[in-house]
Amino acid sequence: MDLVNQVFRLKDELTTSIRKLKDNGVKLAEAERDYKIKLCETVLRLKDEGQTSTNINFMIYGVKEVAELRFKRDVAQTIYDTNQEFINSTKLQLRLLEAQISREWGNGSNG
């Protein structure tokens, strides 16, 4: 019965993680949007200030606001990817437990 309880616990964790993945996906999309908007605004501002394309490509990622939003985007991506890996790990644990239950119950019914 302990194995069955573990399966139910993991299924609950999986459901919770999938809900979190949705939230984290929205946060990632928002961070990506904010970063791209600031990047574009900054490029346009630098062009208006007379910077050349070569200089802009060199300078843009060192602009504090752009760098901060890129960092937030990268952190959001890491959280999203970690959430996905946790889901995959939980699914694997569930499959292993279900296989173990099948073996134990299968052996018990044959004996």
C-alpha atoms as a PDB file:
ATOM      1  CA  MET A   1       0.000   0.000   0.000  1.00  0.00           C
ATOM      2  CA  ASP A   2       2.986   2.291   0.582  1.00  0.00           C
ATOM      3  CA  LEU A   3       3.806   2.176  -3.154  1.00  0.00           C
ATOM      4  CA  VAL A   4       0.258   3.228  -4.007  1.00  0.00           C
ATOM      5  CA  ASN A   5       0.521   6.165  -1.599  1.00  0.00           C
ATOM      6  CA  GLN A   6       3.781   7.193  -3.271  1.00  0.00           C
ATOM      7  CA  VAL A   7       2.059   7.097  -6.669  1.00  0.00           C
ATOM      8  CA  PHE A   8      -0.761   9.318  -5.414  1.00  0.00           C
ATOM      9  CA  ARG A   9       1.747  11.740  -3.860  1.00  0.00           C
ATOM     10  CA  LEU A  10       3.753  11.936  -7.089  1.00  0.00           C
ATOM     11  CA  LYS A  11       0.604  12.459  -9.153  1.00  0.00           C
ATOM     12  CA  ASP A  12      -0.336  15.370  -6.881  1.00  0.00           C
ATOM     13  CA  GLU A  13       3.179  16.818  -7.264  1.00  0.00           C
ATOM     14  CA  LEU A  14       2.911  16.407 -11.028  1.00  0.00           C
ATOM     15  CA  THR A  15      -0.406  18.246 -11.168  1.00  0.00           C
ATOM     16  CA  THR A  16       0.991  21.081  -9.051  1.00  0.00           C
ATOM     17  CA  SER A  17       4.126  21.288 -11.196  1.00  0.00           C
ATOM     18  CA  ILE A  18       2.120  21.461 -14.408  1.00  0.00           C
ATOM     19  CA  ARG A  19       0.142  24.398 -12.997  1.00  0.00           C
ATOM     20  CA  LYS A  20       3.417  26.078 -12.026  1.00  0.00           C
ATOM     21  CA  LEU A  21       4.797  25.437 -15.508  1.00  0.00           C
ATOM     22  CA  LYS A  22       1.917  27.417 -16.990  1.00  0.00           C
ATOM     23  CA  ASP A  23       2.578  30.331 -14.625  1.00  0.00           C
ATOM     24  CA  ASN A  24       6.314  30.152 -15.266  1.00  0.00           C
ATOM     25  CA  GLY A  25       5.678  30.055 -19.013  1.00  0.00           C
ATOM     26  CA  VAL A  26       3.664  33.267 -18.779  1.00  0.00           C
ATOM     27  CA  LYS A  27       6.433  34.901 -16.713  1.00  0.00           C
ATOM     28  CA  LEU A  28       8.999  33.803 -19.288  1.00  0.00           C
ATOM     29  CA  ALA A  29       6.946  35.251 -22.130  1.00  0.00           C
ATOM     30  CA  GLU A  30       6.502  38.532 -20.257  1.00  0.00           C
ATOM     31  CA  ALA A  31      10.226  38.738 -19.512  1.00  0.00           C
ATOM     32  CA  GLU A  32      11.047  38.040 -23.164  1.00  0.00           C
ATOM     33  CA  ARG A  33       8.571  40.723 -24.295  1.00  0.00           C
ATOM     34  CA  ASP A  34       9.947  43.326 -21.880  1.00  0.00           C
ATOM     35  CA  TYR A  35      13.527  42.568 -22.898  1.00  0.00           C
ATOM     36  CA  LYS A  36      12.810  42.782 -26.638  1.00  0.00           C
ATOM     37  CA  ILE A  37      10.888  46.050 -26.268  1.00  0.00           C
ATOM     38  CA  LYS A  38      13.692  47.675 -24.260  1.00  0.00           C
ATOM     39  CA  LEU A  39      16.285  46.326 -26.689  1.00  0.00           C
ATOM     40  CA  CYS A  40      14.438  47.838 -29.654  1.00  0.00           C
ATOM     41  CA  GLU A  41      13.828  51.158 -27.886  1.00  0.00           C
ATOM     42  CA  THR A  42      17.487  51.400 -26.953  1.00  0.00           C
ATOM     43  CA  VAL A  43      18.686  50.608 -30.480  1.00  0.00           C
ATOM     44  CA  LEU A  44      16.408  53.319 -31.869  1.00  0.00           C
ATOM     45  CA  ARG A  45      17.612  55.805 -29.247  1.00  0.00           C
ATOM     46  CA  LEU A  46      21.252  55.063 -30.029  1.00  0.00           C
ATOM     47  CA  LYS A  47      20.584  55.491 -33.758  1.00  0.00           C
ATOM     48  CA  ASP A  48      18.911  58.835 -33.057  1.00  0.00           C
ATOM     49  CA  GLU A  49      22.024  59.824 -31.087  1.00  0.00           C
ATOM     50  CA  GLY A  50      24.092  59.112 -34.193  1.00  0.00           C
ATOM     51  CA  GLN A  51      25.720  55.829 -33.218  1.00  0.00           C
ATOM     52  CA  THR A  52      26.708  53.542 -36.074  1.00  0.00           C
ATOM     53  CA  SER A  53      25.233  50.070 -36.428  1.00  0.00           C
ATOM     54  CA  THR A  54      28.594  48.543 -35.567  1.00  0.00           C
ATOM     55  CA  ASN A  55      28.830  50.556 -32.356  1.00  0.00           C
ATOM     56  CA  ILE A  56      25.216  49.799 -31.455  1.00  0.00           C
ATOM     57  CA  ASN A  57      25.789  46.043 -31.828  1.00  0.00           C
ATOM     58  CA  PHE A  58      28.819  46.372 -29.576  1.00  0.00           C
ATOM     59  CA  MET A  59      27.210  48.651 -26.968  1.00  0.00           C
ATOM     60  CA  ILE A  60      23.616  47.461 -26.717  1.00  0.00           C
ATOM     61  CA  TYR A  61      24.141  44.552 -24.324  1.00  0.00           C
ATOM     62  CA  GLY A  62      26.111  46.722 -21.925  1.00  0.00           C
ATOM     63  CA  VAL A  63      23.257  49.193 -21.460  1.00  0.00           C
ATOM     64  CA  LYS A  64      22.156  48.671 -17.861  1.00  0.00           C
ATOM     65  CA  GLU A  65      18.390  48.510 -18.496  1.00  0.00           C
ATOM     66  CA  VAL A  66      18.828  46.089 -21.408  1.00  0.00           C
ATOM     67  CA  ALA A  67      21.253  43.916 -19.442  1.00  0.00           C
ATOM     68  CA  GLU A  68      18.911  43.798 -16.439  1.00  0.00           C
ATOM     69  CA  LEU A  69      15.936  42.733 -18.565  1.00  0.00           C
ATOM     70  CA  ARG A  70      18.054  40.152 -20.375  1.00  0.00           C
ATOM     71  CA  PHE A  71      19.109  38.781 -16.980  1.00  0.00           C
ATOM     72  CA  LYS A  72      15.468  38.577 -15.845  1.00  0.00           C
ATOM     73  CA  ARG A  73      14.577  36.807 -19.086  1.00  0.00           C
ATOM     74  CA  ASP A  74      17.423  34.316 -18.591  1.00  0.00           C
ATOM     75  CA  VAL A  75      16.370  33.649 -14.985  1.00  0.00           C
ATOM     76  CA  ALA A  76      12.761  33.115 -16.099  1.00  0.00           C
ATOM     77  CA  GLN A  77      14.017  30.670 -18.755  1.00  0.00           C
ATOM     78  CA  THR A  78      16.040  28.775 -16.155  1.00  0.00           C
ATOM     79  CA  ILE A  79      13.043  28.517 -13.819  1.00  0.00           C
ATOM     80  CA  TYR A  80      10.849  27.310 -16.683  1.00  0.00           C
ATOM     81  CA  ASP A  81      13.418  24.719 -17.811  1.00  0.00           C
ATOM     82  CA  THR A  82      13.942  23.503 -14.238  1.00  0.00           C
ATOM     83  CA  ASN A  83      10.176  23.158 -13.811  1.00  0.00           C
ATOM     84  CA  GLN A  84      10.028  21.058 -16.993  1.00  0.00           C
ATOM     85  CA  GLU A  85      12.853  18.830 -15.770  1.00  0.00           C
ATOM     86  CA  PHE A  86      11.069  18.320 -12.442  1.00  0.00           C
ATOM     87  CA  ILE A  87       7.950  17.245 -14.348  1.00  0.00           C
ATOM     88  CA  ASN A  88       9.978  14.808 -16.447  1.00  0.00           C
ATOM     89  CA  SER A  89      11.653  13.409 -13.337  1.00  0.00           C
ATOM     90  CA  THR A  90       8.299  12.995 -11.593  1.00  0.00           C
ATOM     91  CA  LYS A  91       6.883  11.168 -14.621  1.00  0.00           C
ATOM     92  CA  LEU A  92       9.862   8.810 -14.591  1.00  0.00           C
ATOM     93  CA  GLN A  93       9.423   8.141 -10.874  1.00  0.00           C
ATOM     94  CA  LEU A  94       5.743   7.386 -11.492  1.00  0.00           C
ATOM     95  CA  ARG A  95       6.552   4.945 -14.288  1.00  0.00           C
ATOM     96  CA  LEU A  96       9.105   3.177 -12.094  1.00  0.00           C
ATOM     97  CA  LEU A  97       6.662   2.894  -9.193  1.00  0.00           C
ATOM     98  CA  GLU A  98       3.871   1.670 -11.452  1.00  0.00           C
ATOM     99  CA  ALA A  99       6.210  -0.970 -12.911  1.00  0.00           C
ATOM    100  CA  GLN A 100       7.211  -2.035  -9.414  1.00  0.00           C
ATOM    101  CA  ILE A 101       3.551  -2.291  -8.376  1.00  0.00           C
ATOM    102  CA  SER A 102       2.806  -4.395 -11.470  1.00  0.00           C
ATOM    103  CA  ARG A 103       5.700  -6.745 -10.664  1.00  0.00           C
ATOM    104  CA  GLU A 104       4.716  -7.108  -7.019  1.00  0.00           C
ATOM    105  CA  TRP A 105       1.020  -7.585  -7.704  1.00  0.00           C
ATOM    106  CA  GLY A 106       1.771  -9.843 -10.654  1.00  0.00           C
ATOM    107  CA  ASN A 107       4.071 -12.020  -8.522  1.00  0.00           C
ATOM    108  CA  GLY A 108       1.559 -12.084  -5.678  1.00  0.00           C
ATOM    109  CA  SER A 109      -1.274 -13.339  -7.868  1.00  0.00           C
ATOM    110  CA  ASN A 110       0.898 -16.114  -9.350  1.00  0.00           C
ATOM    111  CA  GLY A 111       2.034 -17.496  -5.997  1.00  0.00           C
END
